[in-house]
Amino acid sequence: MASVAPSIEQKNARVGILAFLGACAMLGMGYAAVPLYELFCRVTGFGGTTQVASETDAAIAERIAKSAGGVERSIRFDASTAKNVPWFFKPQQTTDTVQIGIRDMAVYTARNDGDEPVTGTATFNVEPEQAGQYFHKIQCFCFTEQTLQPGQEVQMPVLYYIDPAILEDETAKDVEQITLSYTFHRAIEPES
């Protein structure tokens, strides 16, 4: 029995279906790329992404730090806002010296200088990048959206510590100053 060769229309249909499936796969990968990249950054500290820690994690780090002998690092605090956020936003203190493994707190001041309520969300970064995976936040205003009424001023604390494991990392152990930067952006408001 002889096999029948597919017609040109069948070949074109097959190529069209494969191209459509390829386009759908690329579109799906495009949508998945952002959350997967964010997950990768949070797990590895890549790109200066900080880690989120619990009180238990902080207590363990503190015990390790006390036995390590009080190594200190300078922390620099930075603040900015996007153009469409009419807020005054700055750290109360631009630098601090902290002991590795010991909890510390930074406080930022934010004030809405606009004439309407504004909901903002803070993005953050740590420089140099290799220090990001060792900078652990226990509590931070950046974990949730912040809404300020016109003229309202608030204090926004960040409770954090530097993981003592930084002292064992050849690429990060000699970092003398770590910069924690925040930028407030207007939160995407739901359509009415």
Protein backbone atom coordinates (compact mmCIF):
# COMPACT_ATOMS: atom_id res chain seq x y z
CA MET A 1 0.00 0.00 0.00
CA ALA A 2 1.40 3.35 -1.00
CA SER A 3 1.29 6.20 1.41
CA VAL A 4 -0.28 9.42 0.32
CA ALA A 5 1.90 12.49 0.62
CA PRO A 6 0.34 15.37 2.52
CA SER A 7 -1.01 18.14 0.35
CA ILE A 8 0.45 21.64 0.38
CA GLU A 9 -2.60 22.84 2.35
CA GLN A 10 -1.97 20.21 5.02
CA LYS A 11 1.71 21.20 5.22
CA ASN A 12 0.79 24.87 5.53
CA ALA A 13 -1.78 24.07 8.23
CA ARG A 14 0.81 22.06 10.18
CA VAL A 15 3.37 24.90 9.96
CA GLY A 16 0.70 27.42 10.99
CA ILE A 17 -0.30 25.37 14.02
CA LEU A 18 3.34 24.90 15.08
CA ALA A 19 4.01 28.65 14.68
CA PHE A 20 0.90 29.48 16.73
CA LEU A 21 1.93 27.05 19.50
CA GLY A 22 5.46 28.49 19.48
CA ALA A 23 4.07 32.03 19.78
CA CYS A 24 1.82 30.97 22.68
CA ALA A 25 4.78 29.33 24.43
CA MET A 26 6.88 32.49 24.06
CA LEU A 27 4.04 34.65 25.34
CA GLY A 28 3.62 32.36 28.36
CA MET A 29 7.35 32.49 29.04
CA GLY A 30 7.21 36.28 28.83
CA TYR A 31 4.52 36.41 31.52
CA ALA A 32 6.35 33.87 33.70
CA ALA A 33 9.73 35.61 33.38
CA VAL A 34 9.02 38.44 35.83
CA PRO A 35 7.75 36.33 38.75
CA LEU A 36 10.44 33.71 38.15
CA TYR A 37 13.15 36.40 38.07
CA GLU A 38 11.80 37.97 41.28
CA LEU A 39 11.78 34.56 42.96
CA PHE A 40 15.36 33.92 41.79
CA CYS A 41 16.49 37.32 43.13
CA ARG A 42 14.81 36.80 46.51
CA VAL A 43 16.33 33.34 46.94
CA THR A 44 19.86 34.27 45.84
CA GLY A 45 20.09 37.98 46.71
CA PHE A 46 20.97 38.61 43.06
CA GLY A 47 20.78 42.25 42.00
CA GLY A 48 20.93 43.49 45.59
CA THR A 49 17.60 41.95 46.58
CA THR A 50 17.36 41.70 50.35
CA GLN A 51 16.10 38.74 52.31
CA VAL A 52 13.04 38.64 54.59
CA ALA A 53 13.76 37.19 58.02
CA SER A 54 11.72 36.13 61.03
CA GLU A 55 12.37 37.01 64.66
CA THR A 56 13.71 33.47 65.12
CA ASP A 57 16.21 33.95 62.29
CA ALA A 58 17.31 37.23 63.87
CA ALA A 59 17.77 35.62 67.30
CA ILE A 60 19.96 32.88 65.81
CA ALA A 61 22.07 35.45 63.92
CA GLU A 62 22.44 37.49 67.11
CA ARG A 63 23.78 34.46 69.03
CA ILE A 64 26.28 33.76 66.25
CA ALA A 65 27.32 37.42 66.10
CA LYS A 66 27.96 37.63 69.84
CA SER A 67 30.32 34.67 69.61
CA ALA A 68 32.04 36.17 66.53
CA GLY A 69 33.36 39.25 68.29
CA GLY A 70 31.49 42.41 67.25
CA VAL A 71 32.45 43.03 63.62
CA GLU A 72 30.83 46.24 62.35
CA ARG A 73 29.76 47.65 59.00
CA SER A 74 28.56 51.06 57.89
CA ILE A 75 25.02 51.25 56.51
CA ARG A 76 24.00 54.15 54.26
CA PHE A 77 20.31 54.94 53.80
CA ASP A 78 18.91 56.47 50.62
CA ALA A 79 15.39 57.61 49.68
CA SER A 80 13.66 58.90 46.56
CA THR A 81 10.21 59.13 45.00
CA ALA A 82 8.91 58.71 41.48
CA LYS A 83 7.89 61.92 39.70
CA ASN A 84 4.17 61.23 40.18
CA VAL A 85 4.44 60.79 43.98
CA PRO A 86 4.19 64.21 45.68
CA TRP A 87 5.87 63.05 48.87
CA PHE A 88 8.74 64.28 50.96
CA PHE A 89 10.63 61.07 51.76
CA LYS A 90 14.00 60.70 53.48
CA PRO A 91 15.82 58.70 56.13
CA GLN A 92 16.09 60.27 59.57
CA GLN A 93 19.75 59.28 59.59
CA THR A 94 21.85 58.91 56.43
CA THR A 95 24.45 56.52 57.89
CA ASP A 96 24.75 54.18 60.83
CA THR A 97 27.35 51.74 62.08
CA VAL A 98 25.93 48.36 63.00
CA GLN A 99 27.31 45.17 64.42
CA ILE A 100 26.95 42.20 62.09
CA GLY A 101 24.21 39.84 63.29
CA ILE A 102 22.65 42.34 65.70
CA ARG A 103 19.19 43.77 64.96
CA ASP A 104 19.05 47.46 64.22
CA MET A 105 16.39 49.90 63.10
CA ALA A 106 16.35 52.63 60.49
CA VAL A 107 13.50 55.13 60.36
CA TYR A 108 12.33 56.98 57.29
CA THR A 109 10.03 60.00 57.28
CA ALA A 110 7.33 60.36 54.62
CA ARG A 111 4.93 63.27 54.13
CA ASN A 112 2.28 63.73 51.46
CA ASP A 113 2.78 67.27 50.10
CA GLY A 114 -0.03 66.80 47.56
CA ASP A 115 -3.69 67.78 47.82
CA GLU A 116 -5.14 64.26 47.54
CA PRO A 117 -4.56 60.89 49.22
CA VAL A 118 -1.73 58.94 47.59
CA THR A 119 -1.04 55.22 47.96
CA GLY A 120 2.56 54.31 47.36
CA THR A 121 4.63 51.19 47.27
CA ALA A 122 8.36 51.12 47.92
CA THR A 123 10.89 49.29 45.82
CA PHE A 124 14.24 48.63 47.40
CA ASN A 125 17.77 47.66 46.58
CA VAL A 126 21.03 46.96 48.38
CA GLU A 127 24.43 47.88 47.03
CA PRO A 128 26.89 46.39 46.52
CA GLU A 129 24.93 43.52 45.00
CA GLN A 130 26.91 40.78 46.76
CA ALA A 131 25.72 42.13 50.13
CA GLY A 132 22.02 41.84 49.25
CA GLN A 133 21.70 38.20 50.21
CA TYR A 134 23.06 38.98 53.70
CA PHE A 135 20.84 41.99 54.40
CA HIS A 136 17.78 40.59 56.18
CA LYS A 137 14.66 42.65 56.92
CA ILE A 138 12.44 41.53 59.77
CA GLN A 139 9.88 44.35 59.46
CA CYS A 140 9.64 46.95 56.72
CA PHE A 141 7.20 49.52 55.37
CA CYS A 142 8.13 48.14 51.94
CA PHE A 143 6.22 44.91 52.64
CA THR A 144 2.86 46.68 52.19
CA GLU A 145 1.37 49.66 50.36
CA GLN A 146 1.32 52.95 52.27
CA THR A 147 -1.50 55.50 51.97
CA LEU A 148 -0.91 59.08 53.10
CA GLN A 149 -3.61 61.72 53.31
CA PRO A 150 -2.79 65.29 52.19
CA GLY A 151 -0.32 66.80 54.67
CA GLN A 152 0.01 63.55 56.65
CA GLU A 153 3.51 62.75 57.90
CA VAL A 154 4.52 59.31 59.19
CA GLN A 155 7.59 57.55 60.51
CA MET A 156 8.39 54.33 58.66
CA PRO A 157 10.73 51.90 60.47
CA VAL A 158 12.83 49.12 59.00
CA LEU A 159 14.03 46.42 61.41
CA TYR A 160 16.99 44.54 59.94
CA TYR A 161 20.29 42.77 60.54
CA ILE A 162 23.31 41.68 58.51
CA ASP A 163 23.72 37.90 58.42
CA PRO A 164 27.06 36.81 59.99
CA ALA A 165 27.51 34.49 56.98
CA ILE A 166 28.71 37.59 55.09
CA LEU A 167 32.06 37.14 56.87
CA GLU A 168 32.55 33.75 55.18
CA ASP A 169 31.78 34.97 51.65
CA GLU A 170 34.98 35.84 49.76
CA THR A 171 33.11 38.32 47.54
CA ALA A 172 31.32 40.13 50.38
CA LYS A 173 33.37 39.85 53.57
CA ASP A 174 35.44 42.96 52.86
CA VAL A 175 32.46 45.21 52.01
CA GLU A 176 32.82 48.19 54.35
CA GLN A 177 29.59 50.05 53.55
CA ILE A 178 26.20 48.75 52.47
CA THR A 179 23.63 51.10 50.94
CA LEU A 180 19.91 50.47 51.45
CA SER A 181 17.88 52.42 48.88
CA TYR A 182 14.12 52.90 48.66
CA THR A 183 12.03 54.52 45.94
CA PHE A 184 8.31 55.14 46.42
CA HIS A 185 6.10 54.66 43.37
CA ARG A 186 2.40 55.37 43.06
CA ALA A 187 0.53 52.11 43.58
CA ILE A 188 -1.62 50.96 40.71
CA GLU A 189 -5.13 51.89 41.73
CA PRO A 190 -8.02 49.61 40.72
CA GLU A 191 -10.26 50.90 37.96
CA SER A 192 -13.65 52.15 39.17
